[in-house]
């Protein structure tokens, strides 16, 4: 099976040719298909930007032999003398927040609308020692002064204006951790496809990936939904990542029915969260081919509950693990 050539390589002193049609990387290949799935002397054939084949390098009569199943006479060979790992794909992130530390959350909420930024003023006295009027909303939640306030200070164009720098910082953290493709970065020169692949950009299909954290039950989302449904039916949509059912109450669960009413429950649907879903919903997802992004860390911190990933997997749903 062919897959995207998303590889993380640890070595020094070697420059990879970026435009080679056929590229062979040699080194210690860690396939991560099992606990001891390591090829000490391996070779990876990359063709047209995809991993075509992985083999063990052989020695015959003192010569190195690479027995690929196709002709590689014109391939460029890069001897990394290092470790080659599969690159991880982080399919859900908010990189503008990546420079902020974790903060304690001292209560559980019923849904995300109880803590997200809104028009309610917040008293910053406990945080700053004085209550300062702000030109932006940070919400009512006790932890928001430690999250939304510094994020706005860093990234708001009328303040420090460091959105690009904050995004780069988050992507570097991801890269060091083994991630080579990420979703959730801002679309801006200096960020998009500069450090690692951005899943929603032209690198993986221009216009074919759409994401939203908007409340899909709001009337403002209806025209967007109509365009997405039309694109999906025409085969022009590879993935629709949607924040859905992020909470434990009936309001959160009802969002699934709204998704169906909007004709957005399909094989290209990727549901982020799905906290209150029962097994029957995962069975429905498996039938249509929808996927789940499981976010246990934030779910447990905010709601004291997370999606039943075990039931999703048992039903045959593809599950991606994020924080």
C-alpha atoms as a PDB file:
ATOM      1  CA  UNK A   1       0.000   0.000   0.000  1.00  0.00           C
ATOM      2  CA  UNK A   2       1.295   3.427  -0.940  1.00  0.00           C
ATOM      3  CA  UNK A   3       1.223   6.252   1.562  1.00  0.00           C
ATOM      4  CA  UNK A   4       2.360   9.837   1.774  1.00  0.00           C
ATOM      5  CA  UNK A   5       6.083  10.274   2.053  1.00  0.00           C
ATOM      6  CA  UNK A   6       5.951  11.760   5.526  1.00  0.00           C
ATOM      7  CA  UNK A   7       9.259  10.907   7.135  1.00  0.00           C
ATOM      8  CA  UNK A   8      11.283  12.168  10.053  1.00  0.00           C
ATOM      9  CA  UNK A   9      15.018  11.579   9.675  1.00  0.00           C
ATOM     10  CA  UNK A  10      17.644  12.025  12.383  1.00  0.00           C
ATOM     11  CA  UNK A  11      21.045  12.522  10.809  1.00  0.00           C
ATOM     12  CA  UNK A  12      23.602  15.232  10.257  1.00  0.00           C
ATOM     13  CA  UNK A  13      25.512  16.651   7.334  1.00  0.00           C
ATOM     14  CA  UNK A  14      23.192  15.514   4.532  1.00  0.00           C
ATOM     15  CA  UNK A  15      21.030  17.685   2.296  1.00  0.00           C
ATOM     16  CA  UNK A  16      17.970  16.055   0.738  1.00  0.00           C
ATOM     17  CA  UNK A  17      17.218  16.817  -2.920  1.00  0.00           C
ATOM     18  CA  UNK A  18      13.679  18.180  -2.828  1.00  0.00           C
ATOM     19  CA  UNK A  19      12.686  17.720  -6.457  1.00  0.00           C
ATOM     20  CA  UNK A  20      14.047  14.266  -7.273  1.00  0.00           C
ATOM     21  CA  UNK A  21      11.364  12.186  -8.963  1.00  0.00           C
ATOM     22  CA  UNK A  22      12.713   8.932  -7.524  1.00  0.00           C
ATOM     23  CA  UNK A  23      14.488   9.179  -4.178  1.00  0.00           C
ATOM     24  CA  UNK A  24      15.994   6.362  -2.115  1.00  0.00           C
ATOM     25  CA  UNK A  25      16.818   6.914   1.558  1.00  0.00           C
ATOM     26  CA  UNK A  26      19.057   4.406   3.303  1.00  0.00           C
ATOM     27  CA  UNK A  27      19.640   4.037   7.019  1.00  0.00           C
ATOM     28  CA  UNK A  28      18.116   2.376  10.051  1.00  0.00           C
ATOM     29  CA  UNK A  29      14.418   2.242   9.231  1.00  0.00           C
ATOM     30  CA  UNK A  30      12.042   2.198  12.207  1.00  0.00           C
ATOM     31  CA  UNK A  31       8.708   1.211  10.656  1.00  0.00           C
ATOM     32  CA  UNK A  32       6.740   1.331  13.956  1.00  0.00           C
ATOM     33  CA  UNK A  33       4.555  -1.562  12.792  1.00  0.00           C
ATOM     34  CA  UNK A  34       5.554  -3.512  15.914  1.00  0.00           C
ATOM     35  CA  UNK A  35       7.692  -3.338  19.054  1.00  0.00           C
ATOM     36  CA  UNK A  36      10.838  -4.587  17.301  1.00  0.00           C
ATOM     37  CA  UNK A  37       9.995  -3.481  13.748  1.00  0.00           C
ATOM     38  CA  UNK A  38      13.424  -2.129  12.885  1.00  0.00           C
ATOM     39  CA  UNK A  39      15.408  -2.657   9.698  1.00  0.00           C
ATOM     40  CA  UNK A  40      19.050  -1.955  10.677  1.00  0.00           C
ATOM     41  CA  UNK A  41      20.108  -1.555   7.056  1.00  0.00           C
ATOM     42  CA  UNK A  42      17.010  -0.467   5.208  1.00  0.00           C
ATOM     43  CA  UNK A  43      16.061   1.507   2.136  1.00  0.00           C
ATOM     44  CA  UNK A  44      12.945   3.511   1.311  1.00  0.00           C
ATOM     45  CA  UNK A  45      11.888   4.268  -2.251  1.00  0.00           C
ATOM     46  CA  UNK A  46       9.958   7.528  -2.627  1.00  0.00           C
ATOM     47  CA  UNK A  47       8.285   8.078  -5.985  1.00  0.00           C
ATOM     48  CA  UNK A  48       6.072  11.013  -6.933  1.00  0.00           C
ATOM     49  CA  UNK A  49       6.045  12.168  -3.315  1.00  0.00           C
ATOM     50  CA  UNK A  50       4.802   8.848  -1.956  1.00  0.00           C
ATOM     51  CA  UNK A  51       6.468   5.967  -0.141  1.00  0.00           C
ATOM     52  CA  UNK A  52       6.535   3.242  -2.775  1.00  0.00           C
ATOM     53  CA  UNK A  53       8.463   0.478  -1.048  1.00  0.00           C
ATOM     54  CA  UNK A  54      10.579  -0.320   2.021  1.00  0.00           C
ATOM     55  CA  UNK A  55      13.187  -3.098   1.858  1.00  0.00           C
ATOM     56  CA  UNK A  56      16.198  -4.457   3.700  1.00  0.00           C
ATOM     57  CA  UNK A  57      19.512  -3.746   1.988  1.00  0.00           C
ATOM     58  CA  UNK A  58      21.415  -6.914   1.097  1.00  0.00           C
ATOM     59  CA  UNK A  59      25.130  -7.640   0.760  1.00  0.00           C
ATOM     60  CA  UNK A  60      26.292  -9.829  -2.108  1.00  0.00           C
ATOM     61  CA  UNK A  61      29.949 -10.467  -2.861  1.00  0.00           C
ATOM     62  CA  UNK A  62      30.875  -7.436  -0.817  1.00  0.00           C
ATOM     63  CA  UNK A  63      28.498  -5.129  -2.679  1.00  0.00           C
ATOM     64  CA  UNK A  64      25.368  -3.368  -1.446  1.00  0.00           C
ATOM     65  CA  UNK A  65      22.272  -4.531  -3.295  1.00  0.00           C
ATOM     66  CA  UNK A  66      18.805  -2.968  -3.144  1.00  0.00           C
ATOM     67  CA  UNK A  67      16.220  -5.335  -4.605  1.00  0.00           C
ATOM     68  CA  UNK A  68      13.290  -3.026  -5.230  1.00  0.00           C
ATOM     69  CA  UNK A  69      10.437  -4.485  -7.243  1.00  0.00           C
ATOM     70  CA  UNK A  70      10.629  -1.687  -9.818  1.00  0.00           C
ATOM     71  CA  UNK A  71      13.434  -0.082 -11.806  1.00  0.00           C
ATOM     72  CA  UNK A  72      15.400   2.442  -9.742  1.00  0.00           C
ATOM     73  CA  UNK A  73      18.379   2.982 -12.018  1.00  0.00           C
ATOM     74  CA  UNK A  74      17.717   6.730 -12.234  1.00  0.00           C
ATOM     75  CA  UNK A  75      16.909   7.241  -8.556  1.00  0.00           C
ATOM     76  CA  UNK A  76      18.902   9.565  -6.327  1.00  0.00           C
ATOM     77  CA  UNK A  77      20.294   7.683  -3.317  1.00  0.00           C
ATOM     78  CA  UNK A  78      20.782   9.506  -0.009  1.00  0.00           C
ATOM     79  CA  UNK A  79      22.777   7.613   2.622  1.00  0.00           C
ATOM     80  CA  UNK A  80      21.508   9.163   5.833  1.00  0.00           C
ATOM     81  CA  UNK A  81      23.652   7.102   8.224  1.00  0.00           C
ATOM     82  CA  UNK A  82      20.854   7.743  10.685  1.00  0.00           C
ATOM     83  CA  UNK A  83      17.425   6.741  11.956  1.00  0.00           C
ATOM     84  CA  UNK A  84      14.374   7.070   9.718  1.00  0.00           C
ATOM     85  CA  UNK A  85      10.952   7.189  11.400  1.00  0.00           C
ATOM     86  CA  UNK A  86       7.448   7.590   9.993  1.00  0.00           C
ATOM     87  CA  UNK A  87       6.334  11.171  10.491  1.00  0.00           C
ATOM     88  CA  UNK A  88       3.370  11.590  12.832  1.00  0.00           C
ATOM     89  CA  UNK A  89       0.214  13.362  11.646  1.00  0.00           C
ATOM     90  CA  UNK A  90      -1.415  15.744  14.129  1.00  0.00           C
ATOM     91  CA  UNK A  91      -4.894  16.065  12.666  1.00  0.00           C
ATOM     92  CA  UNK A  92      -6.223  18.582  15.198  1.00  0.00           C
ATOM     93  CA  UNK A  93      -4.427  21.495  16.779  1.00  0.00           C
ATOM     94  CA  UNK A  94      -4.707  25.212  17.591  1.00  0.00           C
ATOM     95  CA  UNK A  95      -1.143  26.339  17.081  1.00  0.00           C
ATOM     96  CA  UNK A  96      -1.673  29.915  18.251  1.00  0.00           C
ATOM     97  CA  UNK A  97      -1.999  28.518  21.777  1.00  0.00           C
ATOM     98  CA  UNK A  98       1.095  26.321  21.605  1.00  0.00           C
ATOM     99  CA  UNK A  99       3.361  28.783  23.379  1.00  0.00           C
ATOM    100  CA  UNK A 100       1.142  28.927  26.461  1.00  0.00           C
ATOM    101  CA  UNK A 101       1.633  26.687  29.513  1.00  0.00           C
ATOM    102  CA  UNK A 102      -1.006  24.288  30.756  1.00  0.00           C
ATOM    103  CA  UNK A 103      -3.365  25.885  33.251  1.00  0.00           C
ATOM    104  CA  UNK A 104      -5.449  24.202  35.951  1.00  0.00           C
ATOM    105  CA  UNK A 105      -9.164  23.900  35.219  1.00  0.00           C
ATOM    106  CA  UNK A 106     -11.066  23.676  38.474  1.00  0.00           C
ATOM    107  CA  UNK A 107     -14.562  22.826  37.287  1.00  0.00           C
ATOM    108  CA  UNK A 108     -16.295  20.705  34.660  1.00  0.00           C
ATOM    109  CA  UNK A 109     -18.467  22.294  32.013  1.00  0.00           C
ATOM    110  CA  UNK A 110     -21.496  20.869  30.218  1.00  0.00           C
ATOM    111  CA  UNK A 111     -20.352  22.042  26.780  1.00  0.00           C
ATOM    112  CA  UNK A 112     -17.826  24.258  25.082  1.00  0.00           C
ATOM    113  CA  UNK A 113     -20.190  27.212  24.841  1.00  0.00           C
ATOM    114  CA  UNK A 114     -19.995  27.650  28.619  1.00  0.00           C
ATOM    115  CA  UNK A 115     -16.315  28.555  28.557  1.00  0.00           C
ATOM    116  CA  UNK A 116     -15.553  29.898  25.088  1.00  0.00           C
ATOM    117  CA  UNK A 117     -15.043  33.647  24.540  1.00  0.00           C
ATOM    118  CA  UNK A 118     -18.295  35.612  24.518  1.00  0.00           C
ATOM    119  CA  UNK A 119     -19.621  39.093  25.149  1.00  0.00           C
ATOM    120  CA  UNK A 120     -19.429  38.785  28.906  1.00  0.00           C
ATOM    121  CA  UNK A 121     -16.878  41.020  30.567  1.00  0.00           C
ATOM    122  CA  UNK A 122     -14.334  39.347  32.800  1.00  0.00           C
ATOM    123  CA  UNK A 123     -12.732  40.789  35.918  1.00  0.00           C
ATOM    124  CA  UNK A 124      -8.956  40.632  35.442  1.00  0.00           C
ATOM    125  CA  UNK A 125      -8.199  41.802  38.982  1.00  0.00           C
ATOM    126  CA  UNK A 126      -7.165  38.331  40.242  1.00  0.00           C
ATOM    127  CA  UNK A 127      -4.870  38.000  37.249  1.00  0.00           C
ATOM    128  CA  UNK A 128      -3.374  41.484  36.872  1.00  0.00           C
ATOM    129  CA  UNK A 129      -4.063  43.057  40.251  1.00  0.00           C
ATOM    130  CA  UNK A 130      -6.291  45.597  38.532  1.00  0.00           C
ATOM    131  CA  UNK A 131      -9.302  45.272  36.225  1.00  0.00           C
ATOM    132  CA  UNK A 132      -8.302  46.511  32.759  1.00  0.00           C
ATOM    133  CA  UNK A 133     -10.862  47.068  29.967  1.00  0.00           C
ATOM    134  CA  UNK A 134      -9.970  44.971  26.926  1.00  0.00           C
ATOM    135  CA  UNK A 135     -10.629  45.514  23.198  1.00  0.00           C
ATOM    136  CA  UNK A 136     -11.473  41.812  22.820  1.00  0.00           C
ATOM    137  CA  UNK A 137     -13.579  39.180  24.576  1.00  0.00           C
ATOM    138  CA  UNK A 138     -12.006  36.382  26.574  1.00  0.00           C
ATOM    139  CA  UNK A 139     -15.058  34.756  28.143  1.00  0.00           C
ATOM    140  CA  UNK A 140     -16.328  34.030  31.631  1.00  0.00           C
ATOM    141  CA  UNK A 141     -14.361  30.906  32.501  1.00  0.00           C
ATOM    142  CA  UNK A 142     -11.911  31.193  35.389  1.00  0.00           C
ATOM    143  CA  UNK A 143      -9.051  29.890  33.254  1.00  0.00           C
ATOM    144  CA  UNK A 144      -9.602  32.230  30.279  1.00  0.00           C
ATOM    145  CA  UNK A 145      -7.480  35.089  31.696  1.00  0.00           C
ATOM    146  CA  UNK A 146      -4.587  32.627  31.622  1.00  0.00           C
ATOM    147  CA  UNK A 147      -5.361  31.453  28.076  1.00  0.00           C
ATOM    148  CA  UNK A 148      -7.275  33.941  25.927  1.00  0.00           C
ATOM    149  CA  UNK A 149      -5.720  37.035  27.462  1.00  0.00           C
ATOM    150  CA  UNK A 150      -2.040  36.141  26.812  1.00  0.00           C
ATOM    151  CA  UNK A 151      -2.949  34.622  23.433  1.00  0.00           C
ATOM    152  CA  UNK A 152      -4.515  37.927  22.332  1.00  0.00           C
ATOM    153  CA  UNK A 153      -1.581  39.904  23.700  1.00  0.00           C
ATOM    154  CA  UNK A 154       0.836  37.789  21.659  1.00  0.00           C
ATOM    155  CA  UNK A 155      -1.058  37.411  18.403  1.00  0.00           C
ATOM    156  CA  UNK A 156      -3.466  40.347  18.027  1.00  0.00           C
ATOM    157  CA  UNK A 157      -2.263  42.550  15.168  1.00  0.00           C
ATOM    158  CA  UNK A 158      -3.095  45.659  17.228  1.00  0.00           C
ATOM    159  CA  UNK A 159      -0.905  44.478  20.101  1.00  0.00           C
ATOM    160  CA  UNK A 160       2.326  42.446  19.797  1.00  0.00           C
ATOM    161  CA  UNK A 161       1.277  40.952  16.449  1.00  0.00           C
ATOM    162  CA  UNK A 162       3.291  37.746  16.846  1.00  0.00           C
ATOM    163  CA  UNK A 163       0.825  35.320  15.256  1.00  0.00           C
ATOM    164  CA  UNK A 164       3.367  34.023  12.731  1.00  0.00           C
ATOM    165  CA  UNK A 165       6.053  33.618  15.381  1.00  0.00           C
ATOM    166  CA  UNK A 166       3.653  31.847  17.761  1.00  0.00           C
ATOM    167  CA  UNK A 167       2.596  29.480  14.990  1.00  0.00           C
ATOM    168  CA  UNK A 168       6.199  28.713  14.064  1.00  0.00           C
ATOM    169  CA  UNK A 169       6.998  28.020  17.708  1.00  0.00           C
ATOM    170  CA  UNK A 170       4.165  25.488  17.897  1.00  0.00           C
ATOM    171  CA  UNK A 171       5.206  23.817  14.662  1.00  0.00           C
ATOM    172  CA  UNK A 172       8.813  23.499  15.856  1.00  0.00           C
ATOM    173  CA  UNK A 173       7.559  21.840  19.059  1.00  0.00           C
ATOM    174  CA  UNK A 174       5.520  19.459  16.918  1.00  0.00           C
ATOM    175  CA  UNK A 175       8.447  18.685  14.634  1.00  0.00           C
ATOM    176  CA  UNK A 176      10.760  17.926  17.554  1.00  0.00           C
ATOM    177  CA  UNK A 177       8.104  15.526  18.829  1.00  0.00           C
ATOM    178  CA  UNK A 178       8.038  13.639  15.523  1.00  0.00           C
ATOM    179  CA  UNK A 179       5.118  15.361  13.783  1.00  0.00           C
ATOM    180  CA  UNK A 180       5.611  16.128  10.099  1.00  0.00           C
ATOM    181  CA  UNK A 181       2.007  16.988   9.157  1.00  0.00           C
ATOM    182  CA  UNK A 182      -0.248  19.225  11.241  1.00  0.00           C
ATOM    183  CA  UNK A 183      -3.741  20.703  11.088  1.00  0.00           C
ATOM    184  CA  UNK A 184      -4.746  23.922  12.765  1.00  0.00           C
ATOM    185  CA  UNK A 185      -2.029  26.416  11.834  1.00  0.00           C
ATOM    186  CA  UNK A 186      -2.888  29.826  10.464  1.00  0.00           C
ATOM    187  CA  UNK A 187      -2.723  30.299   6.705  1.00  0.00           C
ATOM    188  CA  UNK A 188      -0.021  32.919   6.308  1.00  0.00           C
ATOM    189  CA  UNK A 189       3.249  33.517   4.498  1.00  0.00           C
ATOM    190  CA  UNK A 190       6.033  32.395   6.771  1.00  0.00           C
ATOM    191  CA  UNK A 191       3.943  29.572   8.223  1.00  0.00           C
ATOM    192  CA  UNK A 192       2.133  27.565   5.557  1.00  0.00           C
ATOM    193  CA  UNK A 193       4.317  24.694   4.328  1.00  0.00           C
ATOM    194  CA  UNK A 194       7.467  26.301   5.712  1.00  0.00           C
ATOM    195  CA  UNK A 195       8.400  23.906   8.521  1.00  0.00           C
ATOM    196  CA  UNK A 196       6.054  20.938   8.271  1.00  0.00           C
ATOM    197  CA  UNK A 197       3.153  19.945   6.055  1.00  0.00           C
ATOM    198  CA  UNK A 198      -0.110  21.755   6.731  1.00  0.00           C
ATOM    199  CA  UNK A 199      -2.966  19.327   6.148  1.00  0.00           C
ATOM    200  CA  UNK A 200      -5.449  21.955   5.042  1.00  0.00           C
ATOM    201  CA  UNK A 201      -3.141  23.607   2.495  1.00  0.00           C
ATOM    202  CA  UNK A 202      -2.239  22.932  -1.126  1.00  0.00           C
ATOM    203  CA  UNK A 203       0.414  20.478   0.022  1.00  0.00           C
ATOM    204  CA  UNK A 204      -2.265  17.838   0.581  1.00  0.00           C
ATOM    205  CA  UNK A 205      -4.933  19.060  -1.849  1.00  0.00           C
ATOM    206  CA  UNK A 206      -5.950  22.686  -2.342  1.00  0.00           C
ATOM    207  CA  UNK A 207      -9.574  23.318  -1.449  1.00  0.00           C
ATOM    208  CA  UNK A 208     -10.189  19.663  -0.603  1.00  0.00           C
ATOM    209  CA  UNK A 209      -9.897  19.991   3.195  1.00  0.00           C
ATOM    210  CA  UNK A 210     -12.186  22.269   5.204  1.00  0.00           C
ATOM    211  CA  UNK A 211     -12.253  22.750   8.959  1.00  0.00           C
ATOM    212  CA  UNK A 212     -14.510  24.654  11.300  1.00  0.00           C
ATOM    213  CA  UNK A 213     -14.923  25.213  15.020  1.00  0.00           C
ATOM    214  CA  UNK A 214     -18.087  27.219  14.388  1.00  0.00           C
ATOM    215  CA  UNK A 215     -21.358  26.218  16.014  1.00  0.00           C
ATOM    216  CA  UNK A 216     -23.050  24.415  13.124  1.00  0.00           C
ATOM    217  CA  UNK A 217     -26.508  25.044  14.617  1.00  0.00           C
ATOM    218  CA  UNK A 218     -26.162  28.799  14.063  1.00  0.00           C
ATOM    219  CA  UNK A 219     -28.015  30.228  11.032  1.00  0.00           C
ATOM    220  CA  UNK A 220     -24.790  31.833   9.807  1.00  0.00           C
ATOM    221  CA  UNK A 221     -23.357  28.394   9.095  1.00  0.00           C
ATOM    222  CA  UNK A 222     -26.176  27.307   6.752  1.00  0.00           C
ATOM    223  CA  UNK A 223     -24.761  28.809   3.507  1.00  0.00           C
ATOM    224  CA  UNK A 224     -21.320  27.354   4.272  1.00  0.00           C
ATOM    225  CA  UNK A 225     -22.919  23.965   4.902  1.00  0.00           C
ATOM    226  CA  UNK A 226     -24.723  24.095   1.570  1.00  0.00           C
ATOM    227  CA  UNK A 227     -21.455  24.733  -0.275  1.00  0.00           C
ATOM    228  CA  UNK A 228     -19.694  21.950   1.613  1.00  0.00           C
ATOM    229  CA  UNK A 229     -22.458  19.444   0.925  1.00  0.00           C
ATOM    230  CA  UNK A 230     -22.376  20.329  -2.760  1.00  0.00           C
ATOM    231  CA  UNK A 231     -18.591  19.952  -2.864  1.00  0.00           C
ATOM    232  CA  UNK A 232     -18.802  16.606  -1.085  1.00  0.00           C
ATOM    233  CA  UNK A 233     -21.419  15.258  -3.460  1.00  0.00           C
ATOM    234  CA  UNK A 234     -19.286  16.373  -6.409  1.00  0.00           C
ATOM    235  CA  UNK A 235     -16.228  14.552  -5.049  1.00  0.00           C
ATOM    236  CA  UNK A 236     -14.360  17.784  -4.411  1.00  0.00           C
ATOM    237  CA  UNK A 237     -14.071  17.411  -0.630  1.00  0.00           C
ATOM    238  CA  UNK A 238     -11.497  15.066   0.881  1.00  0.00           C
ATOM    239  CA  UNK A 239     -12.189  15.918   4.515  1.00  0.00           C
ATOM    240  CA  UNK A 240     -14.488  18.127   6.561  1.00  0.00           C
ATOM    241  CA  UNK A 241     -13.113  18.499  10.099  1.00  0.00           C
ATOM    242  CA  UNK A 242     -15.821  19.746  12.423  1.00  0.00           C
ATOM    243  CA  UNK A 243     -15.890  20.426  16.178  1.00  0.00           C
ATOM    244  CA  UNK A 244     -18.958  18.467  17.170  1.00  0.00           C
ATOM    245  CA  UNK A 245     -20.546  17.250  20.391  1.00  0.00           C
ATOM    246  CA  UNK A 246     -17.876  18.808  22.593  1.00  0.00           C
ATOM    247  CA  UNK A 247     -19.631  18.387  25.896  1.00  0.00           C
ATOM    248  CA  UNK A 248     -21.684  15.956  27.907  1.00  0.00           C
ATOM    249  CA  UNK A 249     -25.218  17.373  27.654  1.00  0.00           C
ATOM    250  CA  UNK A 250     -28.150  16.978  25.280  1.00  0.00           C
ATOM    251  CA  UNK A 251     -27.189  20.190  23.477  1.00  0.00           C
ATOM    252  CA  UNK A 252     -23.871  18.659  22.488  1.00  0.00           C
ATOM    253  CA  UNK A 253     -25.428  15.390  21.357  1.00  0.00           C
ATOM    254  CA  UNK A 254     -28.097  17.207  19.315  1.00  0.00           C
ATOM    255  CA  UNK A 255     -25.398  18.661  17.070  1.00  0.00           C
ATOM    256  CA  UNK A 256     -25.096  15.289  15.342  1.00  0.00           C
ATOM    257  CA  UNK A 257     -28.706  15.479  14.123  1.00  0.00           C
ATOM    258  CA  UNK A 258     -28.046  18.987  12.828  1.00  0.00           C
ATOM    259  CA  UNK A 259     -25.009  17.680  10.962  1.00  0.00           C
ATOM    260  CA  UNK A 260     -27.221  15.097   9.266  1.00  0.00           C
ATOM    261  CA  UNK A 261     -29.864  17.712   8.405  1.00  0.00           C
ATOM    262  CA  UNK A 262     -27.162  19.770   6.698  1.00  0.00           C
ATOM    263  CA  UNK A 263     -26.114  16.719   4.615  1.00  0.00           C
ATOM    264  CA  UNK A 264     -22.644  16.826   6.139  1.00  0.00           C
ATOM    265  CA  UNK A 265     -22.580  13.329   7.616  1.00  0.00           C
ATOM    266  CA  UNK A 266     -20.607  11.394   5.018  1.00  0.00           C
ATOM    267  CA  UNK A 267     -17.406   9.489   4.310  1.00  0.00           C
ATOM    268  CA  UNK A 268     -15.438  12.742   4.227  1.00  0.00           C
ATOM    269  CA  UNK A 269     -16.690  13.825   7.674  1.00  0.00           C
ATOM    270  CA  UNK A 270     -14.116  13.965  10.475  1.00  0.00           C
ATOM    271  CA  UNK A 271     -15.765  14.601  13.842  1.00  0.00           C
ATOM    272  CA  UNK A 272     -13.537  16.262  16.425  1.00  0.00           C
ATOM    273  CA  UNK A 273     -14.579  15.267  19.994  1.00  0.00           C
ATOM    274  CA  UNK A 274     -17.898  13.338  19.959  1.00  0.00           C
ATOM    275  CA  UNK A 275     -17.795  13.216  23.752  1.00  0.00           C
ATOM    276  CA  UNK A 276     -21.340  11.969  24.528  1.00  0.00           C
ATOM    277  CA  UNK A 277     -21.721   9.571  21.593  1.00  0.00           C
ATOM    278  CA  UNK A 278     -23.226   6.178  22.459  1.00  0.00           C
ATOM    279  CA  UNK A 279     -22.190   3.003  20.635  1.00  0.00           C
ATOM    280  CA  UNK A 280     -25.104   3.388  18.208  1.00  0.00           C
ATOM    281  CA  UNK A 281     -23.629   6.621  16.845  1.00  0.00           C
ATOM    282  CA  UNK A 282     -20.267   4.975  16.243  1.00  0.00           C
ATOM    283  CA  UNK A 283     -22.093   2.232  14.353  1.00  0.00           C
ATOM    284  CA  UNK A 284     -23.673   4.931  12.162  1.00  0.00           C
ATOM    285  CA  UNK A 285     -20.275   6.553  11.600  1.00  0.00           C
ATOM    286  CA  UNK A 286     -18.799   3.238  10.542  1.00  0.00           C
ATOM    287  CA  UNK A 287     -21.576   2.689   8.008  1.00  0.00           C
ATOM    288  CA  UNK A 288     -21.061   6.049   6.280  1.00  0.00           C
ATOM    289  CA  UNK A 289     -17.265   6.024   6.718  1.00  0.00           C
ATOM    290  CA  UNK A 290     -16.967   9.061   9.013  1.00  0.00           C
ATOM    291  CA  UNK A 291     -13.889   9.353  11.246  1.00  0.00           C
ATOM    292  CA  UNK A 292     -13.303  10.450  14.846  1.00  0.00           C
ATOM    293  CA  UNK A 293     -10.617  12.687  16.311  1.00  0.00           C
ATOM    294  CA  UNK A 294     -10.281  11.703  19.976  1.00  0.00           C
ATOM    295  CA  UNK A 295      -9.076  14.435  22.347  1.00  0.00           C
ATOM    296  CA  UNK A 296      -8.982  12.865  25.834  1.00  0.00           C
ATOM    297  CA  UNK A 297      -6.690  15.349  27.595  1.00  0.00           C
ATOM    298  CA  UNK A 298      -8.772  18.463  26.952  1.00  0.00           C
ATOM    299  CA  UNK A 299     -12.068  16.551  27.205  1.00  0.00           C
ATOM    300  CA  UNK A 300     -11.288  15.165  30.657  1.00  0.00           C
ATOM    301  CA  UNK A 301      -9.994  18.517  31.890  1.00  0.00           C
ATOM    302  CA  UNK A 302     -13.009  20.491  30.679  1.00  0.00           C
ATOM    303  CA  UNK A 303     -15.866  18.011  30.922  1.00  0.00           C
ATOM    304  CA  UNK A 304     -14.682  15.141  33.119  1.00  0.00           C
ATOM    305  CA  UNK A 305     -15.547  12.763  30.285  1.00  0.00           C
ATOM    306  CA  UNK A 306     -14.226  11.844  26.851  1.00  0.00           C
ATOM    307  CA  UNK A 307     -15.389   9.961  23.800  1.00  0.00           C
ATOM    308  CA  UNK A 308     -15.497   6.172  24.030  1.00  0.00           C
ATOM    309  CA  UNK A 309     -12.674   5.541  21.600  1.00  0.00           C
ATOM    310  CA  UNK A 310     -12.789   1.844  22.446  1.00  0.00           C
ATOM    311  CA  UNK A 311     -16.371   1.625  21.220  1.00  0.00           C
ATOM    312  CA  UNK A 312     -15.523   3.627  18.102  1.00  0.00           C
ATOM    313  CA  UNK A 313     -12.670   1.270  17.245  1.00  0.00           C
ATOM    314  CA  UNK A 314     -14.852  -1.756  17.953  1.00  0.00           C
ATOM    315  CA  UNK A 315     -17.473  -0.368  15.567  1.00  0.00           C
ATOM    316  CA  UNK A 316     -14.854   0.012  12.835  1.00  0.00           C
ATOM    317  CA  UNK A 317     -14.409   3.797  12.977  1.00  0.00           C
ATOM    318  CA  UNK A 318     -11.000   5.279  12.172  1.00  0.00           C
ATOM    319  CA  UNK A 319      -9.781   7.074  15.320  1.00  0.00           C
ATOM    320  CA  UNK A 320      -7.002   9.682  15.514  1.00  0.00           C
ATOM    321  CA  UNK A 321      -5.502  10.515  18.910  1.00  0.00           C
ATOM    322  CA  UNK A 322      -4.730  14.153  19.746  1.00  0.00           C
ATOM    323  CA  UNK A 323      -4.417  16.083  22.988  1.00  0.00           C
END
